[in-house]
Amino acid sequence: MENNAALAAGAGMAASPEAELARTCRVLVVEEDPSYRATLTHMIQNRGYPVTAMASLEEGLRALRDNPEGFDVVMAIADTQGPGIDGFEFLEHARESHAVVLFSDYAPDETVMRALAGGASDFVVKPLVDEFDIRRIWQHPSAEI
């Protein structure tokens, strides 16, 4: 009887690789637009990932320095509207210890190639609107975990 209850509850069934990773893969989102930051955070959380969101690349770097083991994947805006560092400078600091996915709403081929040649794990064009875009996140740390 207990075995039937356990099976009904899903015990003993293998979870998908993404579901398994979502339990342990912590995502840092860095986006200066508050509306898009909230939307992106919500989309990622709905896939089961714990998310921390920051409003600037400087804040994101500080979070990585203060808690270097606290994140597995970093999603950061590539281009910024205000003063301070851009996503490529952020990438230089973060790529050694984290999978970094840069994103932008403006992505000519040169920008994408610069990001990938600079060590980005991926480059995604905003807006991330479907499940495919979000699923791309979990591919990056899986080889390291």
Protein backbone atom coordinates (compact mmCIF):
# COMPACT_ATOMS: atom_id res chain seq x y z
CA MET A 1 0.00 0.00 0.00
CA GLU A 2 2.83 2.40 0.86
CA ASN A 3 4.54 1.69 -2.47
CA ASN A 4 1.36 2.54 -4.38
CA ALA A 5 1.05 5.83 -2.48
CA ALA A 6 4.70 6.63 -3.17
CA LEU A 7 4.30 5.89 -6.88
CA ALA A 8 1.16 7.99 -7.03
CA ALA A 9 3.09 10.86 -5.46
CA GLY A 10 5.81 10.50 -8.10
CA ALA A 11 8.46 8.86 -5.94
CA GLY A 12 10.84 6.67 -7.85
CA MET A 13 10.15 8.50 -11.13
CA ALA A 14 13.07 10.23 -12.76
CA ALA A 15 12.66 13.95 -13.19
CA SER A 16 13.64 15.67 -16.42
CA PRO A 17 17.22 16.94 -16.57
CA GLU A 18 15.95 20.51 -16.51
CA ALA A 19 13.79 19.86 -13.44
CA GLU A 20 16.74 18.30 -11.63
CA LEU A 21 19.00 21.22 -12.51
CA ALA A 22 16.37 23.81 -11.58
CA ARG A 23 16.54 22.62 -8.00
CA THR A 24 20.21 23.54 -7.78
CA CYS A 25 20.91 26.07 -10.55
CA ARG A 26 20.80 29.61 -9.16
CA VAL A 27 20.39 32.42 -11.67
CA LEU A 28 21.52 36.02 -11.31
CA VAL A 29 19.62 38.38 -13.63
CA VAL A 30 21.12 41.80 -14.30
CA GLU A 31 18.83 44.16 -16.23
CA GLU A 32 18.48 47.93 -15.87
CA ASP A 33 14.90 48.16 -17.14
CA PRO A 34 12.69 47.47 -14.08
CA SER A 35 9.75 46.18 -16.11
CA TYR A 36 11.80 43.76 -18.18
CA ARG A 37 13.83 42.71 -15.12
CA ALA A 38 10.57 41.75 -13.37
CA THR A 39 9.26 39.95 -16.45
CA LEU A 40 12.48 37.99 -17.00
CA THR A 41 12.74 37.10 -13.31
CA HIS A 42 9.15 35.84 -13.32
CA MET A 43 9.70 33.78 -16.50
CA ILE A 44 12.79 32.09 -15.06
CA GLN A 45 11.18 31.47 -11.66
CA ASN A 46 8.22 29.85 -13.41
CA ARG A 47 10.68 27.28 -14.81
CA GLY A 48 11.69 26.43 -11.24
CA TYR A 49 14.98 28.32 -10.95
CA PRO A 50 15.82 30.44 -7.90
CA VAL A 51 16.54 33.96 -9.17
CA THR A 52 18.24 37.02 -7.75
CA ALA A 53 17.72 40.21 -9.75
CA MET A 54 19.96 43.28 -9.84
CA ALA A 55 19.35 46.66 -11.49
CA SER A 56 22.91 47.37 -12.68
CA LEU A 57 25.98 45.53 -13.84
CA GLU A 58 27.94 47.04 -10.95
CA GLU A 59 25.39 45.56 -8.50
CA GLY A 60 25.70 42.24 -10.29
CA LEU A 61 29.49 42.21 -9.95
CA ARG A 62 29.18 43.10 -6.28
CA ALA A 63 26.76 40.18 -5.78
CA LEU A 64 29.22 37.82 -7.48
CA ARG A 65 32.12 39.08 -5.38
CA ASP A 66 30.13 38.95 -2.12
CA ASN A 67 28.76 35.49 -2.81
CA PRO A 68 30.92 33.76 -5.46
CA GLU A 69 29.35 30.36 -4.83
CA GLY A 70 25.82 31.77 -4.78
CA PHE A 71 25.09 31.67 -8.52
CA ASP A 72 25.53 29.18 -11.32
CA VAL A 73 24.34 31.19 -14.31
CA VAL A 74 24.41 34.93 -14.85
CA MET A 75 22.09 36.59 -17.37
CA ALA A 76 23.27 40.14 -18.01
CA ILE A 77 22.27 42.93 -20.33
CA ALA A 78 25.01 43.49 -22.94
CA ASP A 79 24.40 47.19 -23.54
CA THR A 80 23.55 49.79 -20.95
CA GLN A 81 21.92 53.18 -21.24
CA GLY A 82 23.55 54.82 -18.26
CA PRO A 83 27.04 55.38 -17.00
CA GLY A 84 29.22 52.58 -15.74
CA ILE A 85 30.39 49.32 -17.21
CA ASP A 86 28.76 47.52 -20.11
CA GLY A 87 28.01 43.82 -20.43
CA PHE A 88 31.33 43.09 -22.10
CA GLU A 89 33.33 44.50 -19.20
CA PHE A 90 31.03 42.60 -16.84
CA LEU A 91 31.74 39.46 -18.86
CA GLU A 92 35.49 39.91 -18.40
CA HIS A 93 35.05 39.77 -14.62
CA ALA A 94 32.40 37.05 -14.40
CA ARG A 95 33.29 34.52 -17.12
CA GLU A 96 36.05 32.76 -15.20
CA SER A 97 33.77 31.54 -12.46
CA HIS A 98 30.25 31.61 -13.95
CA ALA A 99 28.36 30.74 -17.09
CA VAL A 100 27.33 34.13 -18.49
CA VAL A 101 24.45 34.59 -20.92
CA LEU A 102 24.38 38.09 -22.38
CA PHE A 103 21.22 39.52 -23.86
CA SER A 104 20.21 42.63 -25.75
CA ASP A 105 17.40 43.97 -27.87
CA TYR A 106 20.00 45.07 -30.42
CA ALA A 107 22.19 42.25 -31.63
CA PRO A 108 24.06 42.70 -34.87
CA ASP A 109 26.34 39.81 -35.79
CA GLU A 110 29.43 41.71 -34.55
CA THR A 111 27.91 42.08 -31.08
CA VAL A 112 27.00 38.41 -30.83
CA MET A 113 30.43 37.33 -32.08
CA ARG A 114 32.16 39.72 -29.66
CA ALA A 115 30.20 38.23 -26.77
CA LEU A 116 30.89 34.62 -27.71
CA ALA A 117 34.56 35.28 -28.49
CA GLY A 118 34.81 37.08 -25.14
CA GLY A 119 33.66 34.02 -23.24
CA ALA A 120 29.88 34.34 -23.05
CA SER A 121 28.13 31.00 -22.87
CA ASP A 122 25.33 32.31 -25.06
CA PHE A 123 23.79 35.47 -26.45
CA VAL A 124 20.03 35.88 -26.51
CA VAL A 125 18.04 38.57 -28.30
CA LYS A 126 15.36 40.32 -26.23
CA PRO A 127 12.62 39.86 -25.62
CA LEU A 128 12.84 36.31 -24.34
CA VAL A 129 9.30 35.28 -25.09
CA ASP A 130 9.03 31.57 -25.29
CA GLU A 131 10.01 28.41 -23.51
CA PHE A 132 12.90 27.79 -25.90
CA ASP A 133 14.65 31.01 -24.84
CA ILE A 134 14.37 30.15 -21.15
CA ARG A 135 15.36 26.50 -21.69
CA ARG A 136 18.65 27.72 -23.15
CA ILE A 137 19.67 28.83 -19.65
CA TRP A 138 19.93 25.38 -18.12
CA GLN A 139 22.18 24.05 -20.87
CA HIS A 140 25.16 26.08 -19.74
CA PRO A 141 25.93 24.94 -16.21
CA SER A 142 24.90 21.33 -16.84
CA ALA A 143 28.34 20.39 -18.13
CA GLU A 144 29.93 21.81 -15.00
CA ILE A 145 27.55 20.39 -12.38
